[in-house]
Amino acid sequence: KPIIDNITDAIYSSRKTICVISRRYLESEWCSREVQTASFRLFDEQEDVLILVFLEDIPTYLLSPYHRMRKLLKKQTYLSWPRAADQPEVFWEKLRKALQTGNDPCEDNLLLNVTQTQ
């Protein structure tokens, strides 16, 4: 299969998609395709199926070519690994909650109170 078909199949057949964003990831030619496909699914299904995790602080100007990702950051809460440096257990707990599917009525809703990257 072409790589774009593999990306699409993987995203749509997964319960959740985690995009781990780094400067290196942004340099990848497939970055925008992956984020675009995952965000299409997010908007199609109107469910929390996309989790953005920033591995490092990335200035907003570096996200400029990634219009869709910038829009997601304004609407979608995300996790920042650098901001979790003092409390990694809180980061992992928030990620665990984000991975919950919502099928179990006892599961908590996704509540990630992380501020946007400047």
PDB file of N, CA and C in Angstrom:
ATOM      1  N   LYS A   1       0.830  -1.182   0.000  1.00  0.00           N
ATOM      2  CA  LYS A   1       0.000   0.000   0.000  1.00  0.00           C
ATOM      3  C   LYS A   1       0.878   1.251   0.000  1.00  0.00           C
ATOM      4  N   PRO A   2       0.389   2.305  -0.584  1.00  0.00           N
ATOM      5  CA  PRO A   2       1.102   3.581  -0.455  1.00  0.00           C
ATOM      6  C   PRO A   2       1.104   4.038   1.003  1.00  0.00           C
ATOM      7  N   ILE A   3       2.119   4.787   1.397  1.00  0.00           N
ATOM      8  CA  ILE A   3       2.259   5.207   2.793  1.00  0.00           C
ATOM      9  C   ILE A   3       1.055   6.010   3.272  1.00  0.00           C
ATOM     10  N   ILE A   4       0.474   6.844   2.431  1.00  0.00           N
ATOM     11  CA  ILE A   4      -0.678   7.649   2.851  1.00  0.00           C
ATOM     12  C   ILE A   4      -1.871   6.759   3.191  1.00  0.00           C
ATOM     13  N   ASP A   5      -2.037   5.658   2.463  1.00  0.00           N
ATOM     14  CA  ASP A   5      -3.102   4.704   2.784  1.00  0.00           C
ATOM     15  C   ASP A   5      -2.842   4.032   4.128  1.00  0.00           C
ATOM     16  N   ASN A   6      -1.585   3.693   4.396  1.00  0.00           N
ATOM     17  CA  ASN A   6      -1.230   3.090   5.684  1.00  0.00           C
ATOM     18  C   ASN A   6      -1.491   4.055   6.833  1.00  0.00           C
ATOM     19  N   ILE A   7      -1.148   5.327   6.631  1.00  0.00           N
ATOM     20  CA  ILE A   7      -1.390   6.338   7.657  1.00  0.00           C
ATOM     21  C   ILE A   7      -2.885   6.452   7.932  1.00  0.00           C
ATOM     22  N   THR A   8      -3.673   6.578   6.867  1.00  0.00           N
ATOM     23  CA  THR A   8      -5.123   6.728   7.004  1.00  0.00           C
ATOM     24  C   THR A   8      -5.738   5.512   7.682  1.00  0.00           C
ATOM     25  N   ASP A   9      -5.365   4.310   7.237  1.00  0.00           N
ATOM     26  CA  ASP A   9      -5.892   3.085   7.842  1.00  0.00           C
ATOM     27  C   ASP A   9      -5.554   2.998   9.327  1.00  0.00           C
ATOM     28  N   ALA A  10      -4.314   3.331   9.677  1.00  0.00           N
ATOM     29  CA  ALA A  10      -3.879   3.255  11.075  1.00  0.00           C
ATOM     30  C   ALA A  10      -4.653   4.246  11.944  1.00  0.00           C
ATOM     31  N   ILE A  11      -4.841   5.457  11.453  1.00  0.00           N
ATOM     32  CA  ILE A  11      -5.551   6.477  12.239  1.00  0.00           C
ATOM     33  C   ILE A  11      -7.012   6.112  12.421  1.00  0.00           C
ATOM     34  N   TYR A  12      -7.666   5.678  11.358  1.00  0.00           N
ATOM     35  CA  TYR A  12      -9.096   5.376  11.449  1.00  0.00           C
ATOM     36  C   TYR A  12      -9.391   4.050  12.153  1.00  0.00           C
ATOM     37  N   SER A  13      -8.403   3.161  12.262  1.00  0.00           N
ATOM     38  CA  SER A  13      -8.655   1.890  12.941  1.00  0.00           C
ATOM     39  C   SER A  13      -8.199   1.919  14.404  1.00  0.00           C
ATOM     40  N   SER A  14      -7.671   3.037  14.840  1.00  0.00           N
ATOM     41  CA  SER A  14      -7.215   3.174  16.224  1.00  0.00           C
ATOM     42  C   SER A  14      -8.287   3.821  17.085  1.00  0.00           C
ATOM     43  N   ARG A  15      -8.282   3.492  18.373  1.00  0.00           N
ATOM     44  CA  ARG A  15      -9.195   4.170  19.299  1.00  0.00           C
ATOM     45  C   ARG A  15      -8.800   5.637  19.422  1.00  0.00           C
ATOM     46  N   LYS A  16      -7.511   5.899  19.526  1.00  0.00           N
ATOM     47  CA  LYS A  16      -6.966   7.252  19.674  1.00  0.00           C
ATOM     48  C   LYS A  16      -5.683   7.340  18.856  1.00  0.00           C
ATOM     49  N   THR A  17      -5.360   8.550  18.460  1.00  0.00           N
ATOM     50  CA  THR A  17      -4.090   8.807  17.788  1.00  0.00           C
ATOM     51  C   THR A  17      -3.319   9.797  18.634  1.00  0.00           C
ATOM     52  N   ILE A  18      -2.089   9.444  18.960  1.00  0.00           N
ATOM     53  CA  ILE A  18      -1.212  10.350  19.692  1.00  0.00           C
ATOM     54  C   ILE A  18      -0.196  10.898  18.703  1.00  0.00           C
ATOM     55  N   CYS A  19      -0.182  12.208  18.536  1.00  0.00           N
ATOM     56  CA  CYS A  19       0.842  12.866  17.722  1.00  0.00           C
ATOM     57  C   CYS A  19       1.855  13.465  18.687  1.00  0.00           C
ATOM     58  N   VAL A  20       3.066  12.944  18.654  1.00  0.00           N
ATOM     59  CA  VAL A  20       4.141  13.454  19.488  1.00  0.00           C
ATOM     60  C   VAL A  20       4.893  14.476  18.640  1.00  0.00           C
ATOM     61  N   ILE A  21       4.728  15.745  19.000  1.00  0.00           N
ATOM     62  CA  ILE A  21       5.246  16.839  18.198  1.00  0.00           C
ATOM     63  C   ILE A  21       6.615  17.267  18.715  1.00  0.00           C
ATOM     64  N   SER A  22       7.569  17.281  17.812  1.00  0.00           N
ATOM     65  CA  SER A  22       8.905  17.782  18.097  1.00  0.00           C
ATOM     66  C   SER A  22       9.352  18.592  16.881  1.00  0.00           C
ATOM     67  N   ARG A  23      10.442  19.302  17.016  1.00  0.00           N
ATOM     68  CA  ARG A  23      10.974  20.049  15.863  1.00  0.00           C
ATOM     69  C   ARG A  23      11.297  19.080  14.731  1.00  0.00           C
ATOM     70  N   ARG A  24      11.834  17.947  15.087  1.00  0.00           N
ATOM     71  CA  ARG A  24      12.194  16.926  14.083  1.00  0.00           C
ATOM     72  C   ARG A  24      10.942  16.415  13.354  1.00  0.00           C
ATOM     73  N   TYR A  25       9.864  16.203  14.101  1.00  0.00           N
ATOM     74  CA  TYR A  25       8.613  15.751  13.504  1.00  0.00           C
ATOM     75  C   TYR A  25       8.099  16.789  12.513  1.00  0.00           C
ATOM     76  N   LEU A  26       8.207  18.061  12.872  1.00  0.00           N
ATOM     77  CA  LEU A  26       7.740  19.122  11.984  1.00  0.00           C
ATOM     78  C   LEU A  26       8.544  19.178  10.688  1.00  0.00           C
ATOM     79  N   GLU A  27       9.764  18.680  10.719  1.00  0.00           N
ATOM     80  CA  GLU A  27      10.603  18.648   9.520  1.00  0.00           C
ATOM     81  C   GLU A  27      10.230  17.490   8.593  1.00  0.00           C
ATOM     82  N   SER A  28       9.471  16.545   9.096  1.00  0.00           N
ATOM     83  CA  SER A  28       9.084  15.377   8.310  1.00  0.00           C
ATOM     84  C   SER A  28       8.091  15.773   7.229  1.00  0.00           C
ATOM     85  N   GLU A  29       8.264  15.228   6.041  1.00  0.00           N
ATOM     86  CA  GLU A  29       7.330  15.530   4.955  1.00  0.00           C
ATOM     87  C   GLU A  29       5.941  14.954   5.217  1.00  0.00           C
ATOM     88  N   TRP A  30       5.846  13.993   6.127  1.00  0.00           N
ATOM     89  CA  TRP A  30       4.560  13.359   6.402  1.00  0.00           C
ATOM     90  C   TRP A  30       3.821  13.993   7.568  1.00  0.00           C
ATOM     91  N   CYS A  31       4.475  14.897   8.281  1.00  0.00           N
ATOM     92  CA  CYS A  31       3.869  15.531   9.459  1.00  0.00           C
ATOM     93  C   CYS A  31       2.507  16.127   9.157  1.00  0.00           C
ATOM     94  N   SER A  32       2.420  16.987   8.169  1.00  0.00           N
ATOM     95  CA  SER A  32       1.145  17.657   7.908  1.00  0.00           C
ATOM     96  C   SER A  32       0.088  16.672   7.437  1.00  0.00           C
ATOM     97  N   ARG A  33       0.487  15.631   6.708  1.00  0.00           N
ATOM     98  CA  ARG A  33      -0.483  14.612   6.258  1.00  0.00           C
ATOM     99  C   ARG A  33      -1.062  13.855   7.452  1.00  0.00           C
ATOM    100  N   GLU A  34      -0.199  13.491   8.388  1.00  0.00           N
ATOM    101  CA  GLU A  34      -0.654  12.749   9.556  1.00  0.00           C
ATOM    102  C   GLU A  34      -1.597  13.597  10.413  1.00  0.00           C
ATOM    103  N   VAL A  35      -1.207  14.837  10.671  1.00  0.00           N
ATOM    104  CA  VAL A  35      -2.047  15.721  11.477  1.00  0.00           C
ATOM    105  C   VAL A  35      -3.356  16.006  10.746  1.00  0.00           C
ATOM    106  N   GLN A  36      -3.274  16.203   9.446  1.00  0.00           N
ATOM    107  CA  GLN A  36      -4.477  16.474   8.654  1.00  0.00           C
ATOM    108  C   GLN A  36      -5.449  15.296   8.721  1.00  0.00           C
ATOM    109  N   THR A  37      -4.950  14.103   8.525  1.00  0.00           N
ATOM    110  CA  THR A  37      -5.806  12.916   8.562  1.00  0.00           C
ATOM    111  C   THR A  37      -6.418  12.722   9.951  1.00  0.00           C
ATOM    112  N   ALA A  38      -5.602  12.878  10.984  1.00  0.00           N
ATOM    113  CA  ALA A  38      -6.107  12.721  12.352  1.00  0.00           C
ATOM    114  C   ALA A  38      -7.137  13.798  12.683  1.00  0.00           C
ATOM    115  N   SER A  39      -6.931  15.011  12.209  1.00  0.00           N
ATOM    116  CA  SER A  39      -7.900  16.066  12.504  1.00  0.00           C
ATOM    117  C   SER A  39      -9.186  15.889  11.697  1.00  0.00           C
ATOM    118  N   PHE A  40      -9.085  15.341  10.481  1.00  0.00           N
ATOM    119  CA  PHE A  40     -10.300  15.013   9.722  1.00  0.00           C
ATOM    120  C   PHE A  40     -11.148  14.034  10.518  1.00  0.00           C
ATOM    121  N   ARG A  41     -10.506  13.011  11.075  1.00  0.00           N
ATOM    122  CA  ARG A  41     -11.239  12.028  11.867  1.00  0.00           C
ATOM    123  C   ARG A  41     -11.854  12.690  13.095  1.00  0.00           C
ATOM    124  N   LEU A  42     -11.094  13.553  13.745  1.00  0.00           N
ATOM    125  CA  LEU A  42     -11.588  14.264  14.920  1.00  0.00           C
ATOM    126  C   LEU A  42     -12.865  15.033  14.589  1.00  0.00           C
ATOM    127  N   PHE A  43     -12.863  15.754  13.464  1.00  0.00           N
ATOM    128  CA  PHE A  43     -14.031  16.550  13.080  1.00  0.00           C
ATOM    129  C   PHE A  43     -15.165  15.681  12.560  1.00  0.00           C
ATOM    130  N   ASP A  44     -14.828  14.596  11.846  1.00  0.00           N
ATOM    131  CA  ASP A  44     -15.850  13.678  11.330  1.00  0.00           C
ATOM    132  C   ASP A  44     -16.628  13.011  12.454  1.00  0.00           C
ATOM    133  N   GLU A  45     -15.907  12.512  13.430  1.00  0.00           N
ATOM    134  CA  GLU A  45     -16.526  11.706  14.484  1.00  0.00           C
ATOM    135  C   GLU A  45     -16.954  12.521  15.692  1.00  0.00           C
ATOM    136  N   GLN A  46     -16.510  13.763  15.788  1.00  0.00           N
ATOM    137  CA  GLN A  46     -16.860  14.641  16.917  1.00  0.00           C
ATOM    138  C   GLN A  46     -16.582  13.965  18.258  1.00  0.00           C
ATOM    139  N   GLU A  47     -15.478  13.256  18.329  1.00  0.00           N
ATOM    140  CA  GLU A  47     -15.066  12.596  19.570  1.00  0.00           C
ATOM    141  C   GLU A  47     -13.598  12.898  19.810  1.00  0.00           C
ATOM    142  N   ASP A  48     -13.168  12.723  21.054  1.00  0.00           N
ATOM    143  CA  ASP A  48     -11.759  12.934  21.387  1.00  0.00           C
ATOM    144  C   ASP A  48     -10.928  11.759  20.890  1.00  0.00           C
ATOM    145  N   VAL A  49     -10.492  11.832  19.640  1.00  0.00           N
ATOM    146  CA  VAL A  49      -9.707  10.738  19.065  1.00  0.00           C
ATOM    147  C   VAL A  49      -8.266  11.161  18.791  1.00  0.00           C
ATOM    148  N   LEU A  50      -7.941  12.419  19.075  1.00  0.00           N
ATOM    149  CA  LEU A  50      -6.602  12.933  18.789  1.00  0.00           C
ATOM    150  C   LEU A  50      -6.006  13.535  20.052  1.00  0.00           C
ATOM    151  N   ILE A  51      -4.781  13.110  20.360  1.00  0.00           N
ATOM    152  CA  ILE A  51      -4.053  13.633  21.508  1.00  0.00           C
ATOM    153  C   ILE A  51      -2.752  14.226  20.984  1.00  0.00           C
ATOM    154  N   LEU A  52      -2.547  15.510  21.242  1.00  0.00           N
ATOM    155  CA  LEU A  52      -1.306  16.169  20.853  1.00  0.00           C
ATOM    156  C   LEU A  52      -0.396  16.245  22.071  1.00  0.00           C
ATOM    157  N   VAL A  53       0.829  15.732  21.913  1.00  0.00           N
ATOM    158  CA  VAL A  53       1.823  15.787  22.977  1.00  0.00           C
ATOM    159  C   VAL A  53       3.042  16.510  22.418  1.00  0.00           C
ATOM    160  N   PHE A  54       3.394  17.631  23.023  1.00  0.00           N
ATOM    161  CA  PHE A  54       4.583  18.364  22.603  1.00  0.00           C
ATOM    162  C   PHE A  54       5.771  17.858  23.406  1.00  0.00           C
ATOM    163  N   LEU A  55       6.739  17.298  22.712  1.00  0.00           N
ATOM    164  CA  LEU A  55       7.927  16.736  23.328  1.00  0.00           C
ATOM    165  C   LEU A  55       8.879  17.839  23.784  1.00  0.00           C
ATOM    166  N   GLU A  56       8.781  18.984  23.127  1.00  0.00           N
ATOM    167  CA  GLU A  56       9.621  20.131  23.461  1.00  0.00           C
ATOM    168  C   GLU A  56       8.822  21.401  23.199  1.00  0.00           C
ATOM    169  N   ASP A  57       9.260  22.503  23.798  1.00  0.00           N
ATOM    170  CA  ASP A  57       8.603  23.776  23.534  1.00  0.00           C
ATOM    171  C   ASP A  57       8.921  24.196  22.103  1.00  0.00           C
ATOM    172  N   ILE A  58       7.879  24.517  21.374  1.00  0.00           N
ATOM    173  CA  ILE A  58       8.040  24.928  19.982  1.00  0.00           C
ATOM    174  C   ILE A  58       7.364  26.283  19.820  1.00  0.00           C
ATOM    175  N   PRO A  59       8.127  27.290  19.421  1.00  0.00           N
ATOM    176  CA  PRO A  59       7.529  28.616  19.242  1.00  0.00           C
ATOM    177  C   PRO A  59       6.441  28.584  18.175  1.00  0.00           C
ATOM    178  N   THR A  60       5.442  29.413  18.355  1.00  0.00           N
ATOM    179  CA  THR A  60       4.302  29.461  17.441  1.00  0.00           C
ATOM    180  C   THR A  60       4.735  29.716  16.005  1.00  0.00           C
ATOM    181  N   TYR A  61       5.754  30.563  15.816  1.00  0.00           N
ATOM    182  CA  TYR A  61       6.166  30.878  14.450  1.00  0.00           C
ATOM    183  C   TYR A  61       6.654  29.636  13.695  1.00  0.00           C
ATOM    184  N   LEU A  62       7.151  28.640  14.406  1.00  0.00           N
ATOM    185  CA  LEU A  62       7.569  27.401  13.737  1.00  0.00           C
ATOM    186  C   LEU A  62       6.371  26.554  13.317  1.00  0.00           C
ATOM    187  N   LEU A  63       5.204  26.825  13.915  1.00  0.00           N
ATOM    188  CA  LEU A  63       3.995  26.091  13.550  1.00  0.00           C
ATOM    189  C   LEU A  63       3.259  26.768  12.397  1.00  0.00           C
ATOM    190  N   SER A  64       3.734  27.914  11.962  1.00  0.00           N
ATOM    191  CA  SER A  64       3.058  28.669  10.898  1.00  0.00           C
ATOM    192  C   SER A  64       2.753  27.852   9.651  1.00  0.00           C
ATOM    193  N   PRO A  65       3.677  27.026   9.143  1.00  0.00           N
ATOM    194  CA  PRO A  65       3.348  26.234   7.946  1.00  0.00           C
ATOM    195  C   PRO A  65       2.298  25.157   8.210  1.00  0.00           C
ATOM    196  N   TYR A  66       2.023  24.889   9.477  1.00  0.00           N
ATOM    197  CA  TYR A  66       1.100  23.819   9.833  1.00  0.00           C
ATOM    198  C   TYR A  66      -0.207  24.436  10.323  1.00  0.00           C
ATOM    199  N   HIS A  67      -0.917  25.065   9.404  1.00  0.00           N
ATOM    200  CA  HIS A  67      -2.151  25.791   9.692  1.00  0.00           C
ATOM    201  C   HIS A  67      -3.134  24.936  10.493  1.00  0.00           C
ATOM    202  N   ARG A  68      -3.325  23.695  10.079  1.00  0.00           N
ATOM    203  CA  ARG A  68      -4.286  22.818  10.754  1.00  0.00           C
ATOM    204  C   ARG A  68      -3.867  22.565  12.202  1.00  0.00           C
ATOM    205  N   MET A  69      -2.575  22.380  12.448  1.00  0.00           N
ATOM    206  CA  MET A  69      -2.117  22.128  13.806  1.00  0.00           C
ATOM    207  C   MET A  69      -2.322  23.373  14.663  1.00  0.00           C
ATOM    208  N   ARG A  70      -2.066  24.560  14.132  1.00  0.00           N
ATOM    209  CA  ARG A  70      -2.292  25.794  14.881  1.00  0.00           C
ATOM    210  C   ARG A  70      -3.762  25.940  15.248  1.00  0.00           C
ATOM    211  N   LYS A  71      -4.654  25.589  14.312  1.00  0.00           N
ATOM    212  CA  LYS A  71      -6.090  25.654  14.601  1.00  0.00           C
ATOM    213  C   LYS A  71      -6.462  24.659  15.698  1.00  0.00           C
ATOM    214  N   LEU A  72      -5.872  23.464  15.651  1.00  0.00           N
ATOM    215  CA  LEU A  72      -6.150  22.458  16.681  1.00  0.00           C
ATOM    216  C   LEU A  72      -5.707  22.946  18.055  1.00  0.00           C
ATOM    217  N   LEU A  73      -4.570  23.620  18.110  1.00  0.00           N
ATOM    218  CA  LEU A  73      -4.064  24.095  19.392  1.00  0.00           C
ATOM    219  C   LEU A  73      -4.985  25.130  20.013  1.00  0.00           C
ATOM    220  N   LYS A  74      -5.694  25.873  19.188  1.00  0.00           N
ATOM    221  CA  LYS A  74      -6.621  26.871  19.710  1.00  0.00           C
ATOM    222  C   LYS A  74      -7.893  26.221  20.246  1.00  0.00           C
ATOM    223  N   LYS A  75      -8.278  25.075  19.680  1.00  0.00           N
ATOM    224  CA  LYS A  75      -9.533  24.423  20.050  1.00  0.00           C
ATOM    225  C   LYS A  75      -9.337  23.222  20.956  1.00  0.00           C
ATOM    226  N   GLN A  76      -8.209  22.576  20.828  1.00  0.00           N
ATOM    227  CA  GLN A  76      -7.976  21.302  21.502  1.00  0.00           C
ATOM    228  C   GLN A  76      -6.924  21.480  22.592  1.00  0.00           C
ATOM    229  N   THR A  77      -7.150  20.884  23.730  1.00  0.00           N
ATOM    230  CA  THR A  77      -6.155  20.908  24.795  1.00  0.00           C
ATOM    231  C   THR A  77      -5.059  19.920  24.439  1.00  0.00           C
ATOM    232  N   TYR A  78      -3.870  20.202  24.852  1.00  0.00           N
ATOM    233  CA  TYR A  78      -2.750  19.328  24.531  1.00  0.00           C
ATOM    234  C   TYR A  78      -1.847  19.179  25.743  1.00  0.00           C
ATOM    235  N   LEU A  79      -0.927  18.228  25.676  1.00  0.00           N
ATOM    236  CA  LEU A  79       0.029  17.987  26.752  1.00  0.00           C
ATOM    237  C   LEU A  79       1.400  18.495  26.341  1.00  0.00           C
ATOM    238  N   SER A  80       2.134  19.021  27.305  1.00  0.00           N
ATOM    239  CA  SER A  80       3.484  19.508  27.052  1.00  0.00           C
ATOM    240  C   SER A  80       4.448  18.798  28.001  1.00  0.00           C
ATOM    241  N   TRP A  81       5.348  18.001  27.448  1.00  0.00           N
ATOM    242  CA  TRP A  81       6.318  17.278  28.263  1.00  0.00           C
ATOM    243  C   TRP A  81       7.244  18.236  29.015  1.00  0.00           C
ATOM    244  N   PRO A  82       7.781  19.300  28.371  1.00  0.00           N
ATOM    245  CA  PRO A  82       8.664  20.198  29.120  1.00  0.00           C
ATOM    246  C   PRO A  82       7.980  20.851  30.324  1.00  0.00           C
ATOM    247  N   ARG A  83       6.713  21.142  30.202  1.00  0.00           N
ATOM    248  CA  ARG A  83       6.011  21.781  31.322  1.00  0.00           C
ATOM    249  C   ARG A  83       5.700  20.787  32.429  1.00  0.00           C
ATOM    250  N   ALA A  84       5.879  19.518  32.155  1.00  0.00           N
ATOM    251  CA  ALA A  84       5.618  18.480  33.153  1.00  0.00           C
ATOM    252  C   ALA A  84       6.895  18.045  33.862  1.00  0.00           C
ATOM    253  N   ALA A  85       8.000  18.713  33.578  1.00  0.00           N
ATOM    254  CA  ALA A  85       9.297  18.303  34.117  1.00  0.00           C
ATOM    255  C   ALA A  85       9.303  18.184  35.636  1.00  0.00           C
ATOM    256  N   ASP A  86       8.610  19.096  36.314  1.00  0.00           N
ATOM    257  CA  ASP A  86       8.589  19.063  37.779  1.00  0.00           C
ATOM    258  C   ASP A  86       7.618  18.032  38.334  1.00  0.00           C
ATOM    259  N   GLN A  87       6.629  17.639  37.508  1.00  0.00           N
ATOM    260  CA  GLN A  87       5.616  16.694  37.974  1.00  0.00           C
ATOM    261  C   GLN A  87       5.297  15.672  36.874  1.00  0.00           C
ATOM    262  N   PRO A  88       6.253  14.804  36.547  1.00  0.00           N
ATOM    263  CA  PRO A  88       6.004  13.836  35.473  1.00  0.00           C
ATOM    264  C   PRO A  88       4.829  12.907  35.762  1.00  0.00           C
ATOM    265  N   GLU A  89       4.553  12.639  37.031  1.00  0.00           N
ATOM    266  CA  GLU A  89       3.424  11.756  37.367  1.00  0.00           C
ATOM    267  C   GLU A  89       2.099  12.400  36.952  1.00  0.00           C
ATOM    268  N   VAL A  90       2.005  13.723  37.008  1.00  0.00           N
ATOM    269  CA  VAL A  90       0.791  14.417  36.583  1.00  0.00           C
ATOM    270  C   VAL A  90       0.640  14.297  35.064  1.00  0.00           C
ATOM    271  N   PHE A  91       1.739  14.443  34.340  1.00  0.00           N
ATOM    272  CA  PHE A  91       1.721  14.279  32.879  1.00  0.00           C
ATOM    273  C   PHE A  91       1.190  12.895  32.513  1.00  0.00           C
ATOM    274  N   TRP A  92       1.751  11.852  33.132  1.00  0.00           N
ATOM    275  CA  TRP A  92       1.342  10.488  32.796  1.00  0.00           C
ATOM    276  C   TRP A  92      -0.112  10.223  33.169  1.00  0.00           C
ATOM    277  N   GLU A  93      -0.579  10.802  34.261  1.00  0.00           N
ATOM    278  CA  GLU A  93      -1.982  10.647  34.651  1.00  0.00           C
ATOM    279  C   GLU A  93      -2.896  11.326  33.636  1.00  0.00           C
ATOM    280  N   LYS A  94      -2.517  12.516  33.185  1.00  0.00           N
ATOM    281  CA  LYS A  94      -3.326  13.217  32.182  1.00  0.00           C
ATOM    282  C   LYS A  94      -3.330  12.451  30.861  1.00  0.00           C
ATOM    283  N   LEU A  95      -2.199  11.883  30.490  1.00  0.00           N
ATOM    284  CA  LEU A  95      -2.150  11.083  29.267  1.00  0.00           C
ATOM    285  C   LEU A  95      -3.021   9.839  29.406  1.00  0.00           C
ATOM    286  N   ARG A  96      -2.960   9.206  30.565  1.00  0.00           N
ATOM    287  CA  ARG A  96      -3.804   8.034  30.810  1.00  0.00           C
ATOM    288  C   ARG A  96      -5.281   8.398  30.660  1.00  0.00           C
ATOM    289  N   LYS A  97      -5.684   9.515  31.239  1.00  0.00           N
ATOM    290  CA  LYS A  97      -7.072   9.951  31.127  1.00  0.00           C
ATOM    291  C   LYS A  97      -7.436  10.277  29.681  1.00  0.00           C
ATOM    292  N   ALA A  98      -6.505  10.872  28.965  1.00  0.00           N
ATOM    293  CA  ALA A  98      -6.763  11.217  27.566  1.00  0.00           C
ATOM    294  C   ALA A  98      -6.954   9.966  26.714  1.00  0.00           C
ATOM    295  N   LEU A  99      -6.309   8.885  27.090  1.00  0.00           N
ATOM    296  CA  LEU A  99      -6.408   7.631  26.337  1.00  0.00           C
ATOM    297  C   LEU A  99      -7.701   6.870  26.604  1.00  0.00           C
ATOM    298  N   GLN A 100      -8.406   7.238  27.658  1.00  0.00           N
ATOM    299  CA  GLN A 100      -9.661   6.559  27.952  1.00  0.00           C
ATOM    300  C   GLN A 100     -10.651   6.822  26.824  1.00  0.00           C
ATOM    301  N   THR A 101     -11.450   5.817  26.518  1.00  0.00           N
ATOM    302  CA  THR A 101     -12.334   5.897  25.355  1.00  0.00           C
ATOM    303  C   THR A 101     -13.681   6.529  25.635  1.00  0.00           C
ATOM    304  N   GLY A 102     -14.085   6.603  26.869  1.00  0.00           N
ATOM    305  CA  GLY A 102     -15.408   7.160  27.158  1.00  0.00           C
ATOM    306  C   GLY A 102     -16.501   6.104  27.105  1.00  0.00           C
ATOM    307  N   ASN A 103     -16.152   4.854  26.829  1.00  0.00           N
ATOM    308  CA  ASN A 103     -17.140   3.780  26.780  1.00  0.00           C
ATOM    309  C   ASN A 103     -17.584   3.345  28.174  1.00  0.00           C
ATOM    310  N   ASP A 104     -16.742   3.605  29.154  1.00  0.00           N
ATOM    311  CA  ASP A 104     -17.048   3.240  30.527  1.00  0.00           C
ATOM    312  C   ASP A 104     -17.598   4.473  31.241  1.00  0.00           C
ATOM    313  N   PRO A 105     -18.828   4.417  31.765  1.00  0.00           N
ATOM    314  CA  PRO A 105     -19.406   5.594  32.414  1.00  0.00           C
ATOM    315  C   PRO A 105     -18.618   6.056  33.632  1.00  0.00           C
ATOM    316  N   CYS A 106     -17.757   5.218  34.165  1.00  0.00           N
ATOM    317  CA  CYS A 106     -16.957   5.603  35.329  1.00  0.00           C
ATOM    318  C   CYS A 106     -15.712   6.394  34.945  1.00  0.00           C
ATOM    319  N   GLU A 107     -15.371   6.399  33.659  1.00  0.00           N
ATOM    320  CA  GLU A 107     -14.168   7.101  33.225  1.00  0.00           C
ATOM    321  C   GLU A 107     -14.358   8.610  33.354  1.00  0.00           C
ATOM    322  N   ASP A 108     -13.268   9.282  33.712  1.00  0.00           N
ATOM    323  CA  ASP A 108     -13.301  10.749  33.787  1.00  0.00           C
ATOM    324  C   ASP A 108     -13.265  11.325  32.375  1.00  0.00           C
ATOM    325  N   ASN A 109     -13.829  12.501  32.212  1.00  0.00           N
ATOM    326  CA  ASN A 109     -13.703  13.218  30.947  1.00  0.00           C
ATOM    327  C   ASN A 109     -12.280  13.728  30.802  1.00  0.00           C
ATOM    328  N   LEU A 110     -11.919  14.051  29.583  1.00  0.00           N
ATOM    329  CA  LEU A 110     -10.593  14.576  29.306  1.00  0.00           C
ATOM    330  C   LEU A 110     -10.500  16.002  29.838  1.00  0.00           C
ATOM    331  N   LEU A 111      -9.718  16.171  30.888  1.00  0.00           N
ATOM    332  CA  LEU A 111      -9.527  17.495  31.468  1.00  0.00           C
ATOM    333  C   LEU A 111      -8.035  17.751  31.579  1.00  0.00           C
ATOM    334  N   LEU A 112      -7.476  18.343  30.556  1.00  0.00           N
ATOM    335  CA  LEU A 112      -6.044  18.626  30.534  1.00  0.00           C
ATOM    336  C   LEU A 112      -5.849  20.130  30.620  1.00  0.00           C
ATOM    337  N   ASN A 113      -5.496  20.619  31.769  1.00  0.00           N
ATOM    338  CA  ASN A 113      -5.346  22.052  31.947  1.00  0.00           C
ATOM    339  C   ASN A 113      -3.898  22.439  31.700  1.00  0.00           C
ATOM    340  N   VAL A 114      -3.539  22.529  30.439  1.00  0.00           N
ATOM    341  CA  VAL A 114      -2.191  22.883  30.042  1.00  0.00           C
ATOM    342  C   VAL A 114      -2.291  24.138  29.195  1.00  0.00           C
ATOM    343  N   THR A 115      -1.440  25.097  29.454  1.00  0.00           N
ATOM    344  CA  THR A 115      -1.500  26.338  28.678  1.00  0.00           C
ATOM    345  C   THR A 115      -0.846  26.165  27.320  1.00  0.00           C
ATOM    346  N   GLN A 116      -1.195  27.040  26.395  1.00  0.00           N
ATOM    347  CA  GLN A 116      -0.661  26.979  25.047  1.00  0.00           C
ATOM    348  C   GLN A 116       0.805  27.369  25.008  1.00  0.00           C
ATOM    349  N   THR A 117       1.528  26.793  24.043  1.00  0.00           N
ATOM    350  CA  THR A 117       2.918  27.145  23.815  1.00  0.00           C
ATOM    351  C   THR A 117       2.979  28.552  23.252  1.00  0.00           C
ATOM    352  N   GLN A 118       3.867  29.350  23.761  1.00  0.00           N
ATOM    353  CA  GLN A 118       4.006  30.730  23.260  1.00  0.00           C
ATOM    354  C   GLN A 118       4.796  30.763  21.987  1.00  0.00           C
TER     355      GLN A 118
END
